[in-house]
């Protein structure tokens, strides 16, 4: 049993995997954020592309997501705050010198036709 990378402490198969397999849809912006983090850890470029809002997909090809995911060693996700359509988080990863760095972002999401999508974010 693998613990889900998103930080809930739940097994992957009972947490983010159903979203990655399209067996269910993320019910909240935070859930989508967590499932996208797990998709980066798992290098699931198709899920990352599909959960990016259509207006933002042009500059985010599946190949770019795959390269980013495979070139980054993600360590942990920390949710700072959650509002209806915004999630502020810190994602910890190892850089090329094997030093821990932090990606701190306030992400914006959009609920459209019953599905949440990542739109953009502000980095700190």
PDB file of N, CA and C in Angstrom:
ATOM      1  N   UNK A   1       0.842  -1.189   0.000  1.00  0.00           N
ATOM      2  CA  UNK A   1       0.000   0.000   0.000  1.00  0.00           C
ATOM      3  C   UNK A   1       0.885   1.251   0.000  1.00  0.00           C
ATOM      4  N   UNK A   2       0.604   2.117  -0.935  1.00  0.00           N
ATOM      5  CA  UNK A   2       1.365   3.357  -1.046  1.00  0.00           C
ATOM      6  C   UNK A   2       0.554   4.506  -0.452  1.00  0.00           C
ATOM      7  N   UNK A   3       1.189   5.291   0.409  1.00  0.00           N
ATOM      8  CA  UNK A   3       0.535   6.475   0.951  1.00  0.00           C
ATOM      9  C   UNK A   3       0.503   7.543  -0.145  1.00  0.00           C
ATOM     10  N   UNK A   4      -0.607   8.233  -0.274  1.00  0.00           N
ATOM     11  CA  UNK A   4      -0.770   9.232  -1.321  1.00  0.00           C
ATOM     12  C   UNK A   4       0.237  10.368  -1.130  1.00  0.00           C
ATOM     13  N   UNK A   5       0.894  10.793  -2.205  1.00  0.00           N
ATOM     14  CA  UNK A   5       1.872  11.875  -2.106  1.00  0.00           C
ATOM     15  C   UNK A   5       1.281  13.220  -1.687  1.00  0.00           C
ATOM     16  N   UNK A   6      -0.038  13.398  -1.802  1.00  0.00           N
ATOM     17  CA  UNK A   6      -0.653  14.708  -1.584  1.00  0.00           C
ATOM     18  C   UNK A   6      -0.683  15.158  -0.129  1.00  0.00           C
ATOM     19  N   UNK A   7      -0.335  14.261   0.796  1.00  0.00           N
ATOM     20  CA  UNK A   7      -0.218  14.671   2.190  1.00  0.00           C
ATOM     21  C   UNK A   7      -1.416  14.397   3.083  1.00  0.00           C
ATOM     22  N   UNK A   8      -2.442  13.730   2.578  1.00  0.00           N
ATOM     23  CA  UNK A   8      -3.603  13.436   3.423  1.00  0.00           C
ATOM     24  C   UNK A   8      -3.336  12.303   4.399  1.00  0.00           C
ATOM     25  N   UNK A   9      -2.343  11.455   4.090  1.00  0.00           N
ATOM     26  CA  UNK A   9      -2.059  10.285   4.909  1.00  0.00           C
ATOM     27  C   UNK A   9      -2.868   9.069   4.485  1.00  0.00           C
ATOM     28  N   UNK A  10      -3.753   9.233   3.517  1.00  0.00           N
ATOM     29  CA  UNK A  10      -4.577   8.135   3.026  1.00  0.00           C
ATOM     30  C   UNK A  10      -3.813   7.311   1.993  1.00  0.00           C
ATOM     31  N   UNK A  11      -4.223   6.055   1.803  1.00  0.00           N
ATOM     32  CA  UNK A  11      -3.622   5.270   0.731  1.00  0.00           C
ATOM     33  C   UNK A  11      -3.930   5.917  -0.624  1.00  0.00           C
ATOM     34  N   UNK A  12      -2.978   5.862  -1.543  1.00  0.00           N
ATOM     35  CA  UNK A  12      -3.130   6.459  -2.867  1.00  0.00           C
ATOM     36  C   UNK A  12      -4.405   5.981  -3.553  1.00  0.00           C
ATOM     37  N   UNK A  13      -4.698   4.677  -3.449  1.00  0.00           N
ATOM     38  CA  UNK A  13      -5.875   4.146  -4.142  1.00  0.00           C
ATOM     39  C   UNK A  13      -7.195   4.661  -3.567  1.00  0.00           C
ATOM     40  N   UNK A  14      -7.170   5.198  -2.354  1.00  0.00           N
ATOM     41  CA  UNK A  14      -8.388   5.767  -1.759  1.00  0.00           C
ATOM     42  C   UNK A  14      -8.341   7.285  -1.708  1.00  0.00           C
ATOM     43  N   UNK A  15      -7.338   7.872  -2.340  1.00  0.00           N
ATOM     44  CA  UNK A  15      -7.177   9.326  -2.298  1.00  0.00           C
ATOM     45  C   UNK A  15      -7.164   9.889  -3.714  1.00  0.00           C
ATOM     46  N   UNK A  16      -6.004  10.074  -4.299  1.00  0.00           N
ATOM     47  CA  UNK A  16      -5.899  10.720  -5.615  1.00  0.00           C
ATOM     48  C   UNK A  16      -6.022   9.774  -6.808  1.00  0.00           C
ATOM     49  N   UNK A  17      -5.747   8.497  -6.618  1.00  0.00           N
ATOM     50  CA  UNK A  17      -5.796   7.575  -7.757  1.00  0.00           C
ATOM     51  C   UNK A  17      -7.140   7.569  -8.484  1.00  0.00           C
ATOM     52  N   UNK A  18      -8.288   7.570  -7.790  1.00  0.00           N
ATOM     53  CA  UNK A  18      -9.567   7.590  -8.528  1.00  0.00           C
ATOM     54  C   UNK A  18      -9.709   8.805  -9.452  1.00  0.00           C
ATOM     55  N   UNK A  19      -9.131   9.937  -9.073  1.00  0.00           N
ATOM     56  CA  UNK A  19      -9.167  11.115  -9.937  1.00  0.00           C
ATOM     57  C   UNK A  19      -8.252  10.906 -11.145  1.00  0.00           C
ATOM     58  N   UNK A  20      -7.076  10.342 -10.899  1.00  0.00           N
ATOM     59  CA  UNK A  20      -6.129  10.100 -11.985  1.00  0.00           C
ATOM     60  C   UNK A  20      -6.681   9.087 -12.989  1.00  0.00           C
ATOM     61  N   UNK A  21      -7.452   8.125 -12.487  1.00  0.00           N
ATOM     62  CA  UNK A  21      -8.032   7.095 -13.360  1.00  0.00           C
ATOM     63  C   UNK A  21      -9.374   7.526 -13.958  1.00  0.00           C
ATOM     64  N   UNK A  22      -9.811   8.736 -13.638  1.00  0.00           N
ATOM     65  CA  UNK A  22     -11.091   9.283 -14.104  1.00  0.00           C
ATOM     66  C   UNK A  22     -12.290   8.495 -13.576  1.00  0.00           C
ATOM     67  N   UNK A  23     -12.101   7.822 -12.432  1.00  0.00           N
ATOM     68  CA  UNK A  23     -13.201   7.097 -11.797  1.00  0.00           C
ATOM     69  C   UNK A  23     -14.067   8.065 -11.005  1.00  0.00           C
ATOM     70  N   UNK A  24     -13.518   9.207 -10.606  1.00  0.00           N
ATOM     71  CA  UNK A  24     -14.278  10.265  -9.943  1.00  0.00           C
ATOM     72  C   UNK A  24     -13.670  11.613 -10.278  1.00  0.00           C
ATOM     73  N   UNK A  25     -14.421  12.650  -9.940  1.00  0.00           N
ATOM     74  CA  UNK A  25     -14.022  14.029 -10.224  1.00  0.00           C
ATOM     75  C   UNK A  25     -13.730  14.732  -8.908  1.00  0.00           C
ATOM     76  N   UNK A  26     -12.641  15.476  -8.868  1.00  0.00           N
ATOM     77  CA  UNK A  26     -12.275  16.220  -7.649  1.00  0.00           C
ATOM     78  C   UNK A  26     -13.420  17.161  -7.261  1.00  0.00           C
ATOM     79  N   UNK A  27     -13.947  17.036  -6.036  1.00  0.00           N
ATOM     80  CA  UNK A  27     -15.116  17.829  -5.637  1.00  0.00           C
ATOM     81  C   UNK A  27     -14.828  19.269  -5.213  1.00  0.00           C
ATOM     82  N   UNK A  28     -13.570  19.583  -4.920  1.00  0.00           N
ATOM     83  CA  UNK A  28     -13.218  20.933  -4.467  1.00  0.00           C
ATOM     84  C   UNK A  28     -11.915  21.378  -5.129  1.00  0.00           C
ATOM     85  N   UNK A  29     -11.653  22.675  -5.053  1.00  0.00           N
ATOM     86  CA  UNK A  29     -10.391  23.201  -5.580  1.00  0.00           C
ATOM     87  C   UNK A  29      -9.204  22.584  -4.834  1.00  0.00           C
ATOM     88  N   UNK A  30      -9.324  22.443  -3.520  1.00  0.00           N
ATOM     89  CA  UNK A  30      -8.220  21.850  -2.755  1.00  0.00           C
ATOM     90  C   UNK A  30      -7.970  20.405  -3.171  1.00  0.00           C
ATOM     91  N   UNK A  31      -9.033  19.647  -3.367  1.00  0.00           N
ATOM     92  CA  UNK A  31      -8.877  18.260  -3.794  1.00  0.00           C
ATOM     93  C   UNK A  31      -8.193  18.198  -5.157  1.00  0.00           C
ATOM     94  N   UNK A  32      -8.584  19.096  -6.060  1.00  0.00           N
ATOM     95  CA  UNK A  32      -7.934  19.129  -7.374  1.00  0.00           C
ATOM     96  C   UNK A  32      -6.460  19.501  -7.219  1.00  0.00           C
ATOM     97  N   UNK A  33      -6.174  20.479  -6.364  1.00  0.00           N
ATOM     98  CA  UNK A  33      -4.782  20.880  -6.129  1.00  0.00           C
ATOM     99  C   UNK A  33      -3.974  19.688  -5.633  1.00  0.00           C
ATOM    100  N   UNK A  34      -4.502  18.973  -4.660  1.00  0.00           N
ATOM    101  CA  UNK A  34      -3.799  17.805  -4.121  1.00  0.00           C
ATOM    102  C   UNK A  34      -3.595  16.733  -5.198  1.00  0.00           C
ATOM    103  N   UNK A  35      -4.630  16.501  -5.993  1.00  0.00           N
ATOM    104  CA  UNK A  35      -4.522  15.465  -7.030  1.00  0.00           C
ATOM    105  C   UNK A  35      -3.538  15.887  -8.114  1.00  0.00           C
ATOM    106  N   UNK A  36      -3.440  17.182  -8.395  1.00  0.00           N
ATOM    107  CA  UNK A  36      -2.463  17.663  -9.376  1.00  0.00           C
ATOM    108  C   UNK A  36      -1.036  17.512  -8.827  1.00  0.00           C
ATOM    109  N   UNK A  37      -0.851  17.804  -7.542  1.00  0.00           N
ATOM    110  CA  UNK A  37       0.467  17.590  -6.934  1.00  0.00           C
ATOM    111  C   UNK A  37       0.851  16.104  -7.070  1.00  0.00           C
ATOM    112  N   UNK A  38      -0.073  15.224  -6.726  1.00  0.00           N
ATOM    113  CA  UNK A  38       0.194  13.784  -6.847  1.00  0.00           C
ATOM    114  C   UNK A  38       0.491  13.406  -8.293  1.00  0.00           C
ATOM    115  N   UNK A  39      -0.194  14.041  -9.230  1.00  0.00           N
ATOM    116  CA  UNK A  39       0.057  13.767 -10.648  1.00  0.00           C
ATOM    117  C   UNK A  39       1.467  14.208 -11.042  1.00  0.00           C
ATOM    118  N   UNK A  40       1.952  15.304 -10.474  1.00  0.00           N
ATOM    119  CA  UNK A  40       3.342  15.707 -10.726  1.00  0.00           C
ATOM    120  C   UNK A  40       4.297  14.648 -10.174  1.00  0.00           C
ATOM    121  N   UNK A  41       4.026  14.169  -8.961  1.00  0.00           N
ATOM    122  CA  UNK A  41       4.870  13.145  -8.350  1.00  0.00           C
ATOM    123  C   UNK A  41       4.870  11.878  -9.208  1.00  0.00           C
ATOM    124  N   UNK A  42       3.705  11.499  -9.727  1.00  0.00           N
ATOM    125  CA  UNK A  42       3.546  10.269 -10.508  1.00  0.00           C
ATOM    126  C   UNK A  42       3.852  10.469 -11.994  1.00  0.00           C
ATOM    127  N   UNK A  43       4.175  11.687 -12.402  1.00  0.00           N
ATOM    128  CA  UNK A  43       4.445  12.029 -13.808  1.00  0.00           C
ATOM    129  C   UNK A  43       3.253  11.688 -14.703  1.00  0.00           C
ATOM    130  N   UNK A  44       2.051  12.040 -14.244  1.00  0.00           N
ATOM    131  CA  UNK A  44       0.818  11.811 -15.006  1.00  0.00           C
ATOM    132  C   UNK A  44       0.494  13.084 -15.800  1.00  0.00           C
ATOM    133  N   UNK A  45       1.190  13.251 -16.908  1.00  0.00           N
ATOM    134  CA  UNK A  45       1.056  14.466 -17.715  1.00  0.00           C
ATOM    135  C   UNK A  45      -0.344  14.628 -18.295  1.00  0.00           C
ATOM    136  N   UNK A  46      -0.992  13.540 -18.650  1.00  0.00           N
ATOM    137  CA  UNK A  46      -2.344  13.619 -19.221  1.00  0.00           C
ATOM    138  C   UNK A  46      -3.313  14.240 -18.214  1.00  0.00           C
ATOM    139  N   UNK A  47      -3.225  13.818 -16.954  1.00  0.00           N
ATOM    140  CA  UNK A  47      -4.109  14.375 -15.926  1.00  0.00           C
ATOM    141  C   UNK A  47      -3.829  15.858 -15.721  1.00  0.00           C
ATOM    142  N   UNK A  48      -2.570  16.237 -15.688  1.00  0.00           N
ATOM    143  CA  UNK A  48      -2.206  17.641 -15.502  1.00  0.00           C
ATOM    144  C   UNK A  48      -2.754  18.499 -16.642  1.00  0.00           C
ATOM    145  N   UNK A  49      -2.630  18.003 -17.855  1.00  0.00           N
ATOM    146  CA  UNK A  49      -3.136  18.721 -19.026  1.00  0.00           C
ATOM    147  C   UNK A  49      -4.661  18.838 -18.967  1.00  0.00           C
ATOM    148  N   UNK A  50      -5.333  17.736 -18.678  1.00  0.00           N
ATOM    149  CA  UNK A  50      -6.801  17.711 -18.664  1.00  0.00           C
ATOM    150  C   UNK A  50      -7.402  18.555 -17.553  1.00  0.00           C
ATOM    151  N   UNK A  51      -6.664  18.754 -16.464  1.00  0.00           N
ATOM    152  CA  UNK A  51      -7.192  19.541 -15.346  1.00  0.00           C
ATOM    153  C   UNK A  51      -6.711  20.987 -15.375  1.00  0.00           C
ATOM    154  N   UNK A  52      -6.043  21.366 -16.453  1.00  0.00           N
ATOM    155  CA  UNK A  52      -5.701  22.766 -16.688  1.00  0.00           C
ATOM    156  C   UNK A  52      -6.835  23.371 -17.502  1.00  0.00           C
ATOM    157  N   UNK A  53      -7.282  24.554 -17.110  1.00  0.00           N
ATOM    158  CA  UNK A  53      -8.387  25.200 -17.825  1.00  0.00           C
ATOM    159  C   UNK A  53      -8.036  25.346 -19.303  1.00  0.00           C
ATOM    160  N   UNK A  54      -9.021  25.137 -20.167  1.00  0.00           N
ATOM    161  CA  UNK A  54      -8.808  25.173 -21.621  1.00  0.00           C
ATOM    162  C   UNK A  54      -8.143  26.471 -22.080  1.00  0.00           C
ATOM    163  N   UNK A  55      -8.439  27.572 -21.417  1.00  0.00           N
ATOM    164  CA  UNK A  55      -7.857  28.867 -21.801  1.00  0.00           C
ATOM    165  C   UNK A  55      -6.358  28.937 -21.527  1.00  0.00           C
ATOM    166  N   UNK A  56      -5.833  28.014 -20.743  1.00  0.00           N
ATOM    167  CA  UNK A  56      -4.415  28.032 -20.356  1.00  0.00           C
ATOM    168  C   UNK A  56      -3.626  26.849 -20.902  1.00  0.00           C
ATOM    169  N   UNK A  57      -4.252  25.983 -21.675  1.00  0.00           N
ATOM    170  CA  UNK A  57      -3.579  24.761 -22.137  1.00  0.00           C
ATOM    171  C   UNK A  57      -2.536  25.006 -23.217  1.00  0.00           C
ATOM    172  N   UNK A  58      -2.672  26.060 -23.983  1.00  0.00           N
ATOM    173  CA  UNK A  58      -1.785  26.279 -25.130  1.00  0.00           C
ATOM    174  C   UNK A  58      -0.308  26.246 -24.737  1.00  0.00           C
ATOM    175  N   UNK A  59       0.058  26.909 -23.669  1.00  0.00           N
ATOM    176  CA  UNK A  59       1.455  26.943 -23.247  1.00  0.00           C
ATOM    177  C   UNK A  59       1.844  25.804 -22.339  1.00  0.00           C
ATOM    178  N   UNK A  60       0.942  24.876 -22.111  1.00  0.00           N
ATOM    179  CA  UNK A  60       1.200  23.766 -21.187  1.00  0.00           C
ATOM    180  C   UNK A  60       0.912  22.426 -21.853  1.00  0.00           C
ATOM    181  N   UNK A  61       1.722  22.065 -22.818  1.00  0.00           N
ATOM    182  CA  UNK A  61       1.544  20.801 -23.532  1.00  0.00           C
ATOM    183  C   UNK A  61       1.827  19.624 -22.601  1.00  0.00           C
ATOM    184  N   UNK A  62       1.245  18.470 -22.933  1.00  0.00           N
ATOM    185  CA  UNK A  62       1.469  17.261 -22.130  1.00  0.00           C
ATOM    186  C   UNK A  62       2.962  16.956 -22.013  1.00  0.00           C
ATOM    187  N   UNK A  63       3.700  17.177 -23.091  1.00  0.00           N
ATOM    188  CA  UNK A  63       5.136  16.893 -23.079  1.00  0.00           C
ATOM    189  C   UNK A  63       5.863  17.783 -22.071  1.00  0.00           C
ATOM    190  N   UNK A  64       5.451  19.047 -21.974  1.00  0.00           N
ATOM    191  CA  UNK A  64       6.072  19.964 -21.007  1.00  0.00           C
ATOM    192  C   UNK A  64       5.776  19.526 -19.581  1.00  0.00           C
ATOM    193  N   UNK A  65       4.532  19.095 -19.336  1.00  0.00           N
ATOM    194  CA  UNK A  65       4.193  18.593 -17.999  1.00  0.00           C
ATOM    195  C   UNK A  65       5.019  17.350 -17.673  1.00  0.00           C
ATOM    196  N   UNK A  66       5.147  16.464 -18.643  1.00  0.00           N
ATOM    197  CA  UNK A  66       5.896  15.232 -18.417  1.00  0.00           C
ATOM    198  C   UNK A  66       7.356  15.534 -18.104  1.00  0.00           C
ATOM    199  N   UNK A  67       7.951  16.443 -18.859  1.00  0.00           N
ATOM    200  CA  UNK A  67       9.349  16.802 -18.634  1.00  0.00           C
ATOM    201  C   UNK A  67       9.524  17.431 -17.249  1.00  0.00           C
ATOM    202  N   UNK A  68       8.629  18.335 -16.888  1.00  0.00           N
ATOM    203  CA  UNK A  68       8.697  18.984 -15.579  1.00  0.00           C
ATOM    204  C   UNK A  68       8.571  17.954 -14.461  1.00  0.00           C
ATOM    205  N   UNK A  69       7.618  17.055 -14.594  1.00  0.00           N
ATOM    206  CA  UNK A  69       7.381  16.042 -13.559  1.00  0.00           C
ATOM    207  C   UNK A  69       8.571  15.104 -13.425  1.00  0.00           C
ATOM    208  N   UNK A  70       9.130  14.689 -14.537  1.00  0.00           N
ATOM    209  CA  UNK A  70      10.249  13.735 -14.492  1.00  0.00           C
ATOM    210  C   UNK A  70      11.550  14.382 -14.034  1.00  0.00           C
ATOM    211  N   UNK A  71      11.686  15.703 -14.206  1.00  0.00           N
ATOM    212  CA  UNK A  71      12.917  16.389 -13.828  1.00  0.00           C
ATOM    213  C   UNK A  71      12.888  16.956 -12.414  1.00  0.00           C
ATOM    214  N   UNK A  72      11.832  16.688 -11.675  1.00  0.00           N
ATOM    215  CA  UNK A  72      11.703  17.235 -10.324  1.00  0.00           C
ATOM    216  C   UNK A  72      11.450  16.108  -9.335  1.00  0.00           C
ATOM    217  N   UNK A  73      12.153  16.140  -8.230  1.00  0.00           N
ATOM    218  CA  UNK A  73      11.947  15.164  -7.153  1.00  0.00           C
ATOM    219  C   UNK A  73      11.134  15.870  -6.068  1.00  0.00           C
ATOM    220  N   UNK A  74       9.817  15.657  -6.118  1.00  0.00           N
ATOM    221  CA  UNK A  74       8.906  16.292  -5.160  1.00  0.00           C
ATOM    222  C   UNK A  74       8.997  15.596  -3.818  1.00  0.00           C
ATOM    223  N   UNK A  75       8.981  16.371  -2.727  1.00  0.00           N
ATOM    224  CA  UNK A  75       9.140  15.823  -1.387  1.00  0.00           C
ATOM    225  C   UNK A  75       7.855  15.836  -0.572  1.00  0.00           C
ATOM    226  N   UNK A  76       7.167  16.994  -0.565  1.00  0.00           N
ATOM    227  CA  UNK A  76       5.917  17.053   0.210  1.00  0.00           C
ATOM    228  C   UNK A  76       5.122  18.287  -0.170  1.00  0.00           C
ATOM    229  N   UNK A  77       3.830  18.207   0.127  1.00  0.00           N
ATOM    230  CA  UNK A  77       2.899  19.297  -0.129  1.00  0.00           C
ATOM    231  C   UNK A  77       2.365  19.798   1.200  1.00  0.00           C
ATOM    232  N   UNK A  78       2.335  21.116   1.350  1.00  0.00           N
ATOM    233  CA  UNK A  78       1.776  21.749   2.550  1.00  0.00           C
ATOM    234  C   UNK A  78       0.726  22.762   2.093  1.00  0.00           C
ATOM    235  N   UNK A  79      -0.514  22.552   2.514  1.00  0.00           N
ATOM    236  CA  UNK A  79      -1.588  23.486   2.186  1.00  0.00           C
ATOM    237  C   UNK A  79      -1.577  24.591   3.242  1.00  0.00           C
ATOM    238  N   UNK A  80      -1.459  25.835   2.797  1.00  0.00           N
ATOM    239  CA  UNK A  80      -1.420  26.986   3.706  1.00  0.00           C
ATOM    240  C   UNK A  80      -2.838  27.476   3.992  1.00  0.00           C
ATOM    241  N   UNK A  81      -3.613  27.676   2.938  1.00  0.00           N
ATOM    242  CA  UNK A  81      -4.998  28.126   3.114  1.00  0.00           C
ATOM    243  C   UNK A  81      -5.813  27.725   1.892  1.00  0.00           C
ATOM    244  N   UNK A  82      -7.112  27.587   2.127  1.00  0.00           N
ATOM    245  CA  UNK A  82      -8.035  27.199   1.062  1.00  0.00           C
ATOM    246  C   UNK A  82      -9.263  28.080   1.132  1.00  0.00           C
ATOM    247  N   UNK A  83      -9.643  28.609  -0.007  1.00  0.00           N
ATOM    248  CA  UNK A  83     -10.900  29.317  -0.162  1.00  0.00           C
ATOM    249  C   UNK A  83     -11.652  28.599  -1.276  1.00  0.00           C
ATOM    250  N   UNK A  84     -12.818  29.034  -1.600  1.00  0.00           N
ATOM    251  CA  UNK A  84     -13.642  28.339  -2.590  1.00  0.00           C
ATOM    252  C   UNK A  84     -12.871  28.010  -3.865  1.00  0.00           C
ATOM    253  N   UNK A  85     -12.237  29.006  -4.473  1.00  0.00           N
ATOM    254  CA  UNK A  85     -11.563  28.791  -5.763  1.00  0.00           C
ATOM    255  C   UNK A  85     -10.084  29.165  -5.727  1.00  0.00           C
ATOM    256  N   UNK A  86      -9.500  29.218  -4.534  1.00  0.00           N
ATOM    257  CA  UNK A  86      -8.076  29.519  -4.378  1.00  0.00           C
ATOM    258  C   UNK A  86      -7.461  28.583  -3.350  1.00  0.00           C
ATOM    259  N   UNK A  87      -6.238  28.161  -3.640  1.00  0.00           N
ATOM    260  CA  UNK A  87      -5.490  27.329  -2.706  1.00  0.00           C
ATOM    261  C   UNK A  87      -4.066  27.871  -2.646  1.00  0.00           C
ATOM    262  N   UNK A  88      -3.639  28.215  -1.449  1.00  0.00           N
ATOM    263  CA  UNK A  88      -2.248  28.613  -1.251  1.00  0.00           C
ATOM    264  C   UNK A  88      -1.504  27.413  -0.687  1.00  0.00           C
ATOM    265  N   UNK A  89      -0.355  27.116  -1.274  1.00  0.00           N
ATOM    266  CA  UNK A  89       0.385  25.930  -0.862  1.00  0.00           C
ATOM    267  C   UNK A  89       1.884  26.149  -0.978  1.00  0.00           C
ATOM    268  N   UNK A  90       2.608  25.238  -0.340  1.00  0.00           N
ATOM    269  CA  UNK A  90       4.056  25.138  -0.503  1.00  0.00           C
ATOM    270  C   UNK A  90       4.347  23.700  -0.927  1.00  0.00           C
ATOM    271  N   UNK A  91       5.074  23.568  -2.023  1.00  0.00           N
ATOM    272  CA  UNK A  91       5.493  22.245  -2.501  1.00  0.00           C
ATOM    273  C   UNK A  91       7.013  22.186  -2.395  1.00  0.00           C
ATOM    274  N   UNK A  92       7.496  21.229  -1.648  1.00  0.00           N
ATOM    275  CA  UNK A  92       8.922  21.085  -1.402  1.00  0.00           C
ATOM    276  C   UNK A  92       9.519  20.088  -2.395  1.00  0.00           C
ATOM    277  N   UNK A  93      10.709  20.411  -2.904  1.00  0.00           N
ATOM    278  CA  UNK A  93      11.367  19.538  -3.877  1.00  0.00           C
ATOM    279  C   UNK A  93      12.881  19.665  -3.756  1.00  0.00           C
ATOM    280  N   UNK A  94      13.582  18.721  -4.360  1.00  0.00           N
ATOM    281  CA  UNK A  94      15.045  18.763  -4.380  1.00  0.00           C
ATOM    282  C   UNK A  94      15.502  19.408  -5.675  1.00  0.00           C
ATOM    283  N   UNK A  95      16.456  20.335  -5.571  1.00  0.00           N
ATOM    284  CA  UNK A  95      17.028  20.937  -6.781  1.00  0.00           C
ATOM    285  C   UNK A  95      18.152  20.029  -7.299  1.00  0.00           C
ATOM    286  N   UNK A  96      18.820  20.470  -8.355  1.00  0.00           N
ATOM    287  CA  UNK A  96      19.864  19.644  -8.983  1.00  0.00           C
ATOM    288  C   UNK A  96      21.060  19.409  -8.068  1.00  0.00           C
ATOM    289  N   UNK A  97      21.227  20.262  -7.061  1.00  0.00           N
ATOM    290  CA  UNK A  97      22.316  20.089  -6.095  1.00  0.00           C
ATOM    291  C   UNK A  97      21.842  19.307  -4.866  1.00  0.00           C
ATOM    292  N   UNK A  98      20.629  18.730  -4.962  1.00  0.00           N
ATOM    293  CA  UNK A  98      20.024  17.953  -3.886  1.00  0.00           C
ATOM    294  C   UNK A  98      19.777  18.773  -2.630  1.00  0.00           C
ATOM    295  N   UNK A  99      19.455  20.059  -2.848  1.00  0.00           N
ATOM    296  CA  UNK A  99      19.070  20.935  -1.743  1.00  0.00           C
ATOM    297  C   UNK A  99      17.554  21.118  -1.820  1.00  0.00           C
ATOM    298  N   UNK A 100      16.921  21.211  -0.665  1.00  0.00           N
ATOM    299  CA  UNK A 100      15.473  21.392  -0.630  1.00  0.00           C
ATOM    300  C   UNK A 100      15.108  22.823  -0.991  1.00  0.00           C
ATOM    301  N   UNK A 101      14.168  22.960  -1.905  1.00  0.00           N
ATOM    302  CA  UNK A 101      13.635  24.255  -2.280  1.00  0.00           C
ATOM    303  C   UNK A 101      12.120  24.207  -2.122  1.00  0.00           C
ATOM    304  N   UNK A 102      11.492  25.386  -2.166  1.00  0.00           N
ATOM    305  CA  UNK A 102      10.052  25.478  -1.955  1.00  0.00           C
ATOM    306  C   UNK A 102       9.411  26.264  -3.083  1.00  0.00           C
ATOM    307  N   UNK A 103       8.361  25.692  -3.639  1.00  0.00           N
ATOM    308  CA  UNK A 103       7.506  26.393  -4.594  1.00  0.00           C
ATOM    309  C   UNK A 103       6.302  26.868  -3.788  1.00  0.00           C
ATOM    310  N   UNK A 104       6.175  28.177  -3.607  1.00  0.00           N
ATOM    311  CA  UNK A 104       5.079  28.763  -2.807  1.00  0.00           C
ATOM    312  C   UNK A 104       4.164  29.484  -3.786  1.00  0.00           C
ATOM    313  N   UNK A 105       2.931  29.033  -3.867  1.00  0.00           N
ATOM    314  CA  UNK A 105       2.006  29.573  -4.863  1.00  0.00           C
ATOM    315  C   UNK A 105       0.606  29.720  -4.275  1.00  0.00           C
ATOM    316  N   UNK A 106      -0.096  30.748  -4.729  1.00  0.00           N
ATOM    317  CA  UNK A 106      -1.532  30.867  -4.487  1.00  0.00           C
ATOM    318  C   UNK A 106      -2.182  30.596  -5.838  1.00  0.00           C
ATOM    319  N   UNK A 107      -2.822  29.442  -5.961  1.00  0.00           N
ATOM    320  CA  UNK A 107      -3.406  29.000  -7.227  1.00  0.00           C
ATOM    321  C   UNK A 107      -4.864  29.401  -7.336  1.00  0.00           C
ATOM    322  N   UNK A 108      -5.266  29.707  -8.557  1.00  0.00           N
ATOM    323  CA  UNK A 108      -6.656  30.025  -8.868  1.00  0.00           C
ATOM    324  C   UNK A 108      -7.268  28.885  -9.669  1.00  0.00           C
ATOM    325  N   UNK A 109      -8.480  28.531  -9.293  1.00  0.00           N
ATOM    326  CA  UNK A 109      -9.192  27.441  -9.940  1.00  0.00           C
ATOM    327  C   UNK A 109     -10.547  27.937 -10.427  1.00  0.00           C
ATOM    328  N   UNK A 110     -11.104  27.203 -11.388  1.00  0.00           N
ATOM    329  CA  UNK A 110     -12.413  27.576 -11.925  1.00  0.00           C
ATOM    330  C   UNK A 110     -13.285  26.331 -11.986  1.00  0.00           C
ATOM    331  N   UNK A 111     -14.516  26.474 -11.483  1.00  0.00           N
ATOM    332  CA  UNK A 111     -15.495  25.401 -11.556  1.00  0.00           C
ATOM    333  C   UNK A 111     -16.313  25.614 -12.821  1.00  0.00           C
ATOM    334  N   UNK A 112     -16.256  24.646 -13.722  1.00  0.00           N
ATOM    335  CA  UNK A 112     -16.931  24.777 -15.011  1.00  0.00           C
ATOM    336  C   UNK A 112     -17.572  23.441 -15.376  1.00  0.00           C
ATOM    337  N   UNK A 113     -18.865  23.465 -15.610  1.00  0.00           N
ATOM    338  CA  UNK A 113     -19.602  22.241 -15.961  1.00  0.00           C
ATOM    339  C   UNK A 113     -19.375  21.119 -14.948  1.00  0.00           C
ATOM    340  N   UNK A 114     -19.322  21.485 -13.662  1.00  0.00           N
ATOM    341  CA  UNK A 114     -19.185  20.497 -12.604  1.00  0.00           C
ATOM    342  C   UNK A 114     -17.776  19.993 -12.357  1.00  0.00           C
ATOM    343  N   UNK A 115     -16.801  20.528 -13.063  1.00  0.00           N
ATOM    344  CA  UNK A 115     -15.409  20.098 -12.884  1.00  0.00           C
ATOM    345  C   UNK A 115     -14.532  21.293 -12.522  1.00  0.00           C
ATOM    346  N   UNK A 116     -13.560  21.033 -11.657  1.00  0.00           N
ATOM    347  CA  UNK A 116     -12.585  22.054 -11.285  1.00  0.00           C
ATOM    348  C   UNK A 116     -11.404  22.011 -12.239  1.00  0.00           C
ATOM    349  N   UNK A 117     -10.876  23.201 -12.543  1.00  0.00           N
ATOM    350  CA  UNK A 117      -9.701  23.323 -13.403  1.00  0.00           C
ATOM    351  C   UNK A 117      -8.725  24.311 -12.784  1.00  0.00           C
ATOM    352  N   UNK A 118      -7.439  24.026 -12.956  1.00  0.00           N
ATOM    353  CA  UNK A 118      -6.390  24.973 -12.563  1.00  0.00           C
ATOM    354  C   UNK A 118      -6.340  26.063 -13.630  1.00  0.00           C
ATOM    355  N   UNK A 119      -6.311  27.320 -13.188  1.00  0.00           N
ATOM    356  CA  UNK A 119      -6.243  28.443 -14.124  1.00  0.00           C
ATOM    357  C   UNK A 119      -4.836  29.052 -14.125  1.00  0.00           C
ATOM    358  N   UNK A 120      -4.413  29.585 -12.986  1.00  0.00           N
ATOM    359  CA  UNK A 120      -3.100  30.193 -12.882  1.00  0.00           C
ATOM    360  C   UNK A 120      -2.760  30.393 -11.414  1.00  0.00           C
ATOM    361  N   UNK A 121      -1.619  31.023 -11.160  1.00  0.00           N
ATOM    362  CA  UNK A 121      -1.225  31.231  -9.775  1.00  0.00           C
ATOM    363  C   UNK A 121      -0.236  32.367  -9.631  1.00  0.00           C
ATOM    364  N   UNK A 122      -0.109  32.824  -8.413  1.00  0.00           N
ATOM    365  CA  UNK A 122       0.861  33.866  -8.047  1.00  0.00           C
ATOM    366  C   UNK A 122       1.932  33.184  -7.203  1.00  0.00           C
ATOM    367  N   UNK A 123       3.181  33.377  -7.590  1.00  0.00           N
ATOM    368  CA  UNK A 123       4.291  32.771  -6.858  1.00  0.00           C
ATOM    369  C   UNK A 123       4.847  33.754  -5.841  1.00  0.00           C
ATOM    370  N   UNK A 124       5.283  33.217  -4.708  1.00  0.00           N
ATOM    371  CA  UNK A 124       5.884  34.027  -3.638  1.00  0.00           C
ATOM    372  C   UNK A 124       7.348  33.676  -3.488  1.00  0.00           C
TER     373      UNK A 124
END
